[in-house]
Amino acid sequence: MIESRRGFLKKIGALLALGVPAAALLDGCASAGLPVYRYDNSGGRIDLYLRWYPELMTTGGVIELLVGGETGSIYVARVSFSRFAALSPECTSDGCKVKLEKNSFRCPCDGSTYYLDGSMTSGPANEPLRSFRTQFLDTSVRIFLS
């Protein structure tokens, strides 16, 4: 019994040792405080099936997509039951990556704030976040990248 307990504890220790570096790596990806998903860009559009993205099942949910190709990062927010926003995370005044704070985005560099749909709430930015056209299809959201 002691040997199996010792073996179990060694395995747990090894997992924890591996978990710390993994958490440090993930922290850089989740710097905006959002769940991060990878998506390969294929054909200029993205189809997100909502059952695979539980954060988008409710109004106010936001995820970050790391999209292959030139697109880079996109924030996807459920603005209402049937309305979604797909946004560039770059502040329009200084290019810093905005962060989610409650139900809005805030630029950590200049303090500009934006609603979840990308429209501005306060400057110094003068323009809304860059957006991509979206289409709600009952069980999925289609994002048009061009």
C-alpha atoms as a PDB file:
ATOM      1  CA  MET A   1       0.000   0.000   0.000  1.00  0.00           C
ATOM      2  CA  ILE A   2       2.820   2.454   0.833  1.00  0.00           C
ATOM      3  CA  GLU A   3       4.577   1.782  -2.477  1.00  0.00           C
ATOM      4  CA  SER A   4       1.432   2.490  -4.482  1.00  0.00           C
ATOM      5  CA  ARG A   5       0.796   5.677  -2.500  1.00  0.00           C
ATOM      6  CA  ARG A   6       4.397   6.783  -3.044  1.00  0.00           C
ATOM      7  CA  GLY A   7       4.105   6.021  -6.761  1.00  0.00           C
ATOM      8  CA  PHE A   8       0.850   7.963  -6.923  1.00  0.00           C
ATOM      9  CA  LEU A   9       2.411  10.981  -5.207  1.00  0.00           C
ATOM     10  CA  LYS A  10       5.384  10.874  -7.581  1.00  0.00           C
ATOM     11  CA  LYS A  11       3.004  10.942 -10.552  1.00  0.00           C
ATOM     12  CA  ILE A  12       1.061  13.860  -9.089  1.00  0.00           C
ATOM     13  CA  GLY A  13       4.327  15.711  -8.431  1.00  0.00           C
ATOM     14  CA  ALA A  14       5.416  15.156 -12.024  1.00  0.00           C
ATOM     15  CA  LEU A  15       2.089  16.464 -13.335  1.00  0.00           C
ATOM     16  CA  LEU A  16       2.268  19.536 -11.134  1.00  0.00           C
ATOM     17  CA  ALA A  17       5.826  20.177 -12.246  1.00  0.00           C
ATOM     18  CA  LEU A  18       4.657  20.089 -15.862  1.00  0.00           C
ATOM     19  CA  GLY A  19       1.585  22.170 -15.068  1.00  0.00           C
ATOM     20  CA  VAL A  20       3.483  25.204 -13.811  1.00  0.00           C
ATOM     21  CA  PRO A  21       5.359  25.863 -17.085  1.00  0.00           C
ATOM     22  CA  ALA A  22       2.155  25.199 -19.052  1.00  0.00           C
ATOM     23  CA  ALA A  23       0.286  27.757 -16.949  1.00  0.00           C
ATOM     24  CA  ALA A  24       3.062  30.286 -17.527  1.00  0.00           C
ATOM     25  CA  LEU A  25       2.789  29.741 -21.284  1.00  0.00           C
ATOM     26  CA  LEU A  26      -0.991  30.038 -21.238  1.00  0.00           C
ATOM     27  CA  ASP A  27      -0.809  33.263 -19.261  1.00  0.00           C
ATOM     28  CA  GLY A  28       0.831  34.986 -22.224  1.00  0.00           C
ATOM     29  CA  CYS A  29      -1.944  33.788 -24.531  1.00  0.00           C
ATOM     30  CA  ALA A  30      -4.713  34.831 -22.167  1.00  0.00           C
ATOM     31  CA  SER A  31      -3.343  38.282 -21.421  1.00  0.00           C
ATOM     32  CA  ALA A  32      -6.749  39.815 -22.181  1.00  0.00           C
ATOM     33  CA  GLY A  33      -8.386  37.525 -19.623  1.00  0.00           C
ATOM     34  CA  LEU A  34     -10.339  35.637 -22.281  1.00  0.00           C
ATOM     35  CA  PRO A  35     -10.605  31.966 -23.216  1.00  0.00           C
ATOM     36  CA  VAL A  36      -8.349  31.467 -26.231  1.00  0.00           C
ATOM     37  CA  TYR A  37      -9.104  29.134 -29.150  1.00  0.00           C
ATOM     38  CA  ARG A  38      -7.097  28.434 -32.300  1.00  0.00           C
ATOM     39  CA  TYR A  39      -8.797  28.382 -35.695  1.00  0.00           C
ATOM     40  CA  ASP A  40      -7.234  27.706 -39.072  1.00  0.00           C
ATOM     41  CA  ASN A  41      -8.290  30.297 -41.629  1.00  0.00           C
ATOM     42  CA  SER A  42      -9.885  28.520 -44.541  1.00  0.00           C
ATOM     43  CA  GLY A  43     -11.666  30.273 -47.366  1.00  0.00           C
ATOM     44  CA  GLY A  44     -12.052  33.741 -45.868  1.00  0.00           C
ATOM     45  CA  ARG A  45     -14.709  32.810 -43.345  1.00  0.00           C
ATOM     46  CA  ILE A  46     -14.997  31.129 -39.968  1.00  0.00           C
ATOM     47  CA  ASP A  47     -17.907  29.002 -38.783  1.00  0.00           C
ATOM     48  CA  LEU A  48     -18.126  28.725 -34.998  1.00  0.00           C
ATOM     49  CA  TYR A  49     -20.516  26.052 -33.744  1.00  0.00           C
ATOM     50  CA  LEU A  50     -21.772  27.440 -30.451  1.00  0.00           C
ATOM     51  CA  ARG A  51     -21.818  24.081 -28.650  1.00  0.00           C
ATOM     52  CA  TRP A  52     -18.006  24.014 -28.966  1.00  0.00           C
ATOM     53  CA  TYR A  53     -17.674  27.521 -27.485  1.00  0.00           C
ATOM     54  CA  PRO A  54     -19.709  27.527 -24.252  1.00  0.00           C
ATOM     55  CA  GLU A  55     -18.692  31.118 -23.457  1.00  0.00           C
ATOM     56  CA  LEU A  56     -20.730  32.265 -26.467  1.00  0.00           C
ATOM     57  CA  MET A  57     -23.908  30.501 -25.344  1.00  0.00           C
ATOM     58  CA  THR A  58     -24.947  33.500 -23.220  1.00  0.00           C
ATOM     59  CA  THR A  59     -25.176  37.215 -23.889  1.00  0.00           C
ATOM     60  CA  GLY A  60     -21.990  38.977 -22.798  1.00  0.00           C
ATOM     61  CA  GLY A  61     -19.761  35.968 -23.497  1.00  0.00           C
ATOM     62  CA  VAL A  62     -16.446  36.720 -25.212  1.00  0.00           C
ATOM     63  CA  ILE A  63     -13.656  34.551 -26.610  1.00  0.00           C
ATOM     64  CA  GLU A  64     -10.402  35.214 -28.400  1.00  0.00           C
ATOM     65  CA  LEU A  65      -9.688  33.387 -31.658  1.00  0.00           C
ATOM     66  CA  LEU A  66      -6.125  32.986 -32.836  1.00  0.00           C
ATOM     67  CA  VAL A  67      -6.676  32.732 -36.567  1.00  0.00           C
ATOM     68  CA  GLY A  68      -4.075  31.333 -38.937  1.00  0.00           C
ATOM     69  CA  GLY A  69      -2.853  33.461 -41.820  1.00  0.00           C
ATOM     70  CA  GLU A  70      -2.731  37.249 -41.821  1.00  0.00           C
ATOM     71  CA  THR A  71      -5.845  37.793 -39.700  1.00  0.00           C
ATOM     72  CA  GLY A  72      -4.174  37.199 -36.334  1.00  0.00           C
ATOM     73  CA  SER A  73      -6.356  37.594 -33.271  1.00  0.00           C
ATOM     74  CA  ILE A  74     -10.119  38.238 -33.224  1.00  0.00           C
ATOM     75  CA  TYR A  75     -12.428  38.798 -30.262  1.00  0.00           C
ATOM     76  CA  VAL A  76     -15.885  37.269 -30.693  1.00  0.00           C
ATOM     77  CA  ALA A  77     -18.622  38.600 -28.392  1.00  0.00           C
ATOM     78  CA  ARG A  78     -22.274  37.653 -28.022  1.00  0.00           C
ATOM     79  CA  VAL A  79     -23.920  41.069 -27.879  1.00  0.00           C
ATOM     80  CA  SER A  80     -27.536  39.842 -27.710  1.00  0.00           C
ATOM     81  CA  PHE A  81     -29.438  36.600 -28.329  1.00  0.00           C
ATOM     82  CA  SER A  82     -29.010  36.796 -32.106  1.00  0.00           C
ATOM     83  CA  ARG A  83     -26.229  39.362 -32.528  1.00  0.00           C
ATOM     84  CA  PHE A  84     -22.487  38.713 -32.415  1.00  0.00           C
ATOM     85  CA  ALA A  85     -19.493  40.976 -32.897  1.00  0.00           C
ATOM     86  CA  ALA A  86     -16.141  39.894 -34.329  1.00  0.00           C
ATOM     87  CA  LEU A  87     -13.511  42.504 -33.557  1.00  0.00           C
ATOM     88  CA  SER A  88      -9.851  43.302 -33.913  1.00  0.00           C
ATOM     89  CA  PRO A  89      -8.432  43.561 -30.387  1.00  0.00           C
ATOM     90  CA  GLU A  90      -6.211  46.528 -31.298  1.00  0.00           C
ATOM     91  CA  CYS A  91      -7.061  49.920 -29.811  1.00  0.00           C
ATOM     92  CA  THR A  92      -7.687  52.361 -32.652  1.00  0.00           C
ATOM     93  CA  SER A  93      -5.612  55.138 -31.096  1.00  0.00           C
ATOM     94  CA  ASP A  94      -2.378  53.350 -30.181  1.00  0.00           C
ATOM     95  CA  GLY A  95      -2.579  49.724 -31.347  1.00  0.00           C
ATOM     96  CA  CYS A  96      -2.373  48.204 -27.847  1.00  0.00           C
ATOM     97  CA  LYS A  97      -4.386  45.043 -27.243  1.00  0.00           C
ATOM     98  CA  VAL A  98      -7.631  45.880 -25.425  1.00  0.00           C
ATOM     99  CA  LYS A  99      -8.681  43.810 -22.418  1.00  0.00           C
ATOM    100  CA  LEU A 100     -12.112  42.679 -21.265  1.00  0.00           C
ATOM    101  CA  GLU A 101     -13.365  44.479 -18.153  1.00  0.00           C
ATOM    102  CA  LYS A 102     -16.854  43.438 -17.069  1.00  0.00           C
ATOM    103  CA  ASN A 103     -19.031  44.189 -20.128  1.00  0.00           C
ATOM    104  CA  SER A 104     -16.611  46.351 -22.108  1.00  0.00           C
ATOM    105  CA  PHE A 105     -13.103  46.459 -23.528  1.00  0.00           C
ATOM    106  CA  ARG A 106     -10.447  48.834 -22.190  1.00  0.00           C
ATOM    107  CA  CYS A 107      -7.099  49.818 -23.657  1.00  0.00           C
ATOM    108  CA  PRO A 108      -4.410  49.401 -20.985  1.00  0.00           C
ATOM    109  CA  CYS A 109      -2.176  51.975 -22.711  1.00  0.00           C
ATOM    110  CA  ASP A 110      -4.438  55.025 -23.063  1.00  0.00           C
ATOM    111  CA  GLY A 111      -7.655  54.115 -21.198  1.00  0.00           C
ATOM    112  CA  SER A 112      -9.971  54.163 -24.234  1.00  0.00           C
ATOM    113  CA  THR A 113     -13.069  52.014 -23.684  1.00  0.00           C
ATOM    114  CA  TYR A 114     -15.353  50.187 -26.094  1.00  0.00           C
ATOM    115  CA  TYR A 115     -18.677  48.358 -25.805  1.00  0.00           C
ATOM    116  CA  LEU A 116     -18.766  44.625 -26.610  1.00  0.00           C
ATOM    117  CA  ASP A 117     -19.953  45.473 -30.137  1.00  0.00           C
ATOM    118  CA  GLY A 118     -16.742  47.487 -30.660  1.00  0.00           C
ATOM    119  CA  SER A 119     -18.302  50.958 -30.535  1.00  0.00           C
ATOM    120  CA  MET A 120     -16.544  53.562 -28.390  1.00  0.00           C
ATOM    121  CA  THR A 121     -17.614  54.608 -24.918  1.00  0.00           C
ATOM    122  CA  SER A 122     -14.730  57.007 -24.203  1.00  0.00           C
ATOM    123  CA  GLY A 123     -11.480  58.169 -25.783  1.00  0.00           C
ATOM    124  CA  PRO A 124      -8.840  59.274 -26.488  1.00  0.00           C
ATOM    125  CA  ALA A 125      -9.532  56.855 -29.384  1.00  0.00           C
ATOM    126  CA  ASN A 126     -11.744  58.458 -32.053  1.00  0.00           C
ATOM    127  CA  GLU A 127     -12.911  55.316 -33.847  1.00  0.00           C
ATOM    128  CA  PRO A 128     -14.586  52.010 -32.959  1.00  0.00           C
ATOM    129  CA  LEU A 129     -12.657  48.754 -32.978  1.00  0.00           C
ATOM    130  CA  ARG A 130     -12.261  47.250 -36.457  1.00  0.00           C
ATOM    131  CA  SER A 131     -15.039  44.742 -37.003  1.00  0.00           C
ATOM    132  CA  PHE A 132     -15.752  41.771 -39.244  1.00  0.00           C
ATOM    133  CA  ARG A 133     -19.216  40.997 -40.602  1.00  0.00           C
ATOM    134  CA  THR A 134     -21.017  38.214 -38.728  1.00  0.00           C
ATOM    135  CA  GLN A 135     -24.079  36.095 -39.437  1.00  0.00           C
ATOM    136  CA  PHE A 136     -26.020  34.164 -36.784  1.00  0.00           C
ATOM    137  CA  LEU A 137     -27.239  30.773 -38.067  1.00  0.00           C
ATOM    138  CA  ASP A 138     -29.191  29.408 -35.019  1.00  0.00           C
ATOM    139  CA  THR A 139     -26.497  26.966 -33.847  1.00  0.00           C
ATOM    140  CA  SER A 140     -23.433  28.728 -35.243  1.00  0.00           C
ATOM    141  CA  VAL A 141     -21.894  32.087 -36.039  1.00  0.00           C
ATOM    142  CA  ARG A 142     -20.254  32.806 -39.365  1.00  0.00           C
ATOM    143  CA  ILE A 143     -17.492  35.424 -39.481  1.00  0.00           C
ATOM    144  CA  PHE A 144     -16.484  36.897 -42.827  1.00  0.00           C
ATOM    145  CA  LEU A 145     -12.818  37.843 -42.850  1.00  0.00           C
ATOM    146  CA  SER A 146     -12.843  39.861 -46.068  1.00  0.00           C
END
